Amino acid sequence: MSQHDSSERTTVTLLLSHALGIAADGRVAISLKTKELGTIAFEIDQRTIDALRRDLACAETLVRYWS
């Protein structure tokens, strides 16, 4: 991450994730447990899931390259 990026974002250590059930109105969320901020959750939709999959695939490539 460049210095510019790190000043605009808070980087946290992910400890675990959990998909939360569907709400009565059809909303779905994911919960992330972090070392620094505790547990945070956010609503997701198919577009968000697709974006996360793309970004995780890219991150996995980088981790494998540097391992």
C-alpha atoms as a PDB file:
ATOM      1  CA  MET A   1       0.000   0.000   0.000  1.00  0.00           C
ATOM      2  CA  SER A   2       1.318   3.430  -0.778  1.00  0.00           C
ATOM      3  CA  GLN A   3       1.690   6.059   1.929  1.00  0.00           C
ATOM      4  CA  HIS A   4      -1.240   7.956   0.397  1.00  0.00           C
ATOM      5  CA  ASP A   5      -3.510   4.906   0.637  1.00  0.00           C
ATOM      6  CA  SER A   6      -2.609   4.098   4.229  1.00  0.00           C
ATOM      7  CA  SER A   7      -3.464   7.617   5.404  1.00  0.00           C
ATOM      8  CA  GLU A   8      -7.007   7.296   4.057  1.00  0.00           C
ATOM      9  CA  ARG A   9      -7.768   3.771   5.261  1.00  0.00           C
ATOM     10  CA  THR A  10      -7.629   1.871   8.494  1.00  0.00           C
ATOM     11  CA  THR A  11      -5.989  -1.513   7.995  1.00  0.00           C
ATOM     12  CA  VAL A  12      -7.157  -4.221  10.367  1.00  0.00           C
ATOM     13  CA  THR A  13      -6.214  -7.837  10.997  1.00  0.00           C
ATOM     14  CA  LEU A  14      -9.035 -10.191  10.023  1.00  0.00           C
ATOM     15  CA  LEU A  15      -9.498 -12.994  12.532  1.00  0.00           C
ATOM     16  CA  LEU A  16     -12.639 -14.608  11.174  1.00  0.00           C
ATOM     17  CA  SER A  17     -15.681 -14.058   9.007  1.00  0.00           C
ATOM     18  CA  HIS A  18     -19.243 -15.295   9.118  1.00  0.00           C
ATOM     19  CA  ALA A  19     -22.178 -14.976   6.737  1.00  0.00           C
ATOM     20  CA  LEU A  20     -25.255 -13.809   8.611  1.00  0.00           C
ATOM     21  CA  GLY A  21     -28.722 -15.109   7.820  1.00  0.00           C
ATOM     22  CA  ILE A  22     -31.240 -13.484   5.571  1.00  0.00           C
ATOM     23  CA  ALA A  23     -33.397 -10.813   7.213  1.00  0.00           C
ATOM     24  CA  ALA A  24     -37.165 -10.924   6.823  1.00  0.00           C
ATOM     25  CA  ASP A  25     -36.893  -8.344   4.038  1.00  0.00           C
ATOM     26  CA  GLY A  26     -34.254 -10.381   2.142  1.00  0.00           C
ATOM     27  CA  ARG A  27     -31.145  -8.497   3.269  1.00  0.00           C
ATOM     28  CA  VAL A  28     -27.942 -10.493   3.820  1.00  0.00           C
ATOM     29  CA  ALA A  29     -24.885  -9.450   5.806  1.00  0.00           C
ATOM     30  CA  ILE A  30     -21.362 -10.612   6.515  1.00  0.00           C
ATOM     31  CA  SER A  31     -19.666 -10.292   9.877  1.00  0.00           C
ATOM     32  CA  LEU A  32     -15.916  -9.766  10.197  1.00  0.00           C
ATOM     33  CA  LYS A  33     -14.067 -10.183  13.487  1.00  0.00           C
ATOM     34  CA  THR A  34     -10.979  -7.983  13.566  1.00  0.00           C
ATOM     35  CA  LYS A  35      -8.168  -7.695  16.065  1.00  0.00           C
ATOM     36  CA  GLU A  36      -8.269  -3.899  16.168  1.00  0.00           C
ATOM     37  CA  LEU A  37     -11.988  -3.018  15.881  1.00  0.00           C
ATOM     38  CA  GLY A  38     -13.719  -6.114  17.192  1.00  0.00           C
ATOM     39  CA  THR A  39     -16.649  -7.397  15.158  1.00  0.00           C
ATOM     40  CA  ILE A  40     -18.088  -5.349  12.328  1.00  0.00           C
ATOM     41  CA  ALA A  41     -20.859  -6.320   9.934  1.00  0.00           C
ATOM     42  CA  PHE A  42     -22.116  -4.960   6.651  1.00  0.00           C
ATOM     43  CA  GLU A  43     -24.926  -5.729   4.257  1.00  0.00           C
ATOM     44  CA  ILE A  44     -24.016  -7.331   0.952  1.00  0.00           C
ATOM     45  CA  ASP A  45     -25.751  -8.043  -2.331  1.00  0.00           C
ATOM     46  CA  GLN A  46     -24.746 -10.084  -5.376  1.00  0.00           C
ATOM     47  CA  ARG A  47     -22.778  -7.192  -6.871  1.00  0.00           C
ATOM     48  CA  THR A  48     -20.795  -6.824  -3.647  1.00  0.00           C
ATOM     49  CA  ILE A  49     -20.191 -10.583  -3.429  1.00  0.00           C
ATOM     50  CA  ASP A  50     -18.865 -10.604  -6.999  1.00  0.00           C
ATOM     51  CA  ALA A  51     -16.516  -7.703  -6.233  1.00  0.00           C
ATOM     52  CA  LEU A  52     -15.262  -9.428  -3.070  1.00  0.00           C
ATOM     53  CA  ARG A  53     -14.597 -12.630  -5.024  1.00  0.00           C
ATOM     54  CA  ARG A  54     -12.531 -10.728  -7.599  1.00  0.00           C
ATOM     55  CA  ASP A  55     -10.551  -8.896  -4.926  1.00  0.00           C
ATOM     56  CA  LEU A  56      -9.971 -12.047  -2.874  1.00  0.00           C
ATOM     57  CA  ALA A  57      -8.706 -13.878  -5.975  1.00  0.00           C
ATOM     58  CA  CYS A  58      -6.262 -11.043  -6.607  1.00  0.00           C
ATOM     59  CA  ALA A  59      -5.151 -11.031  -2.959  1.00  0.00           C
ATOM     60  CA  GLU A  60      -4.685 -14.807  -3.053  1.00  0.00           C
ATOM     61  CA  THR A  61      -2.440 -14.458  -6.107  1.00  0.00           C
ATOM     62  CA  LEU A  62      -0.332 -11.860  -4.279  1.00  0.00           C
ATOM     63  CA  VAL A  63      -0.078 -13.994  -1.127  1.00  0.00           C
ATOM     64  CA  ARG A  64       1.022 -17.023  -3.146  1.00  0.00           C
ATOM     65  CA  TYR A  65       3.550 -14.942  -5.078  1.00  0.00           C
ATOM     66  CA  TRP A  66       5.132 -13.539  -1.922  1.00  0.00           C
ATOM     67  CA  SER A  67       5.015 -16.829   0.058  1.00  0.00           C
END
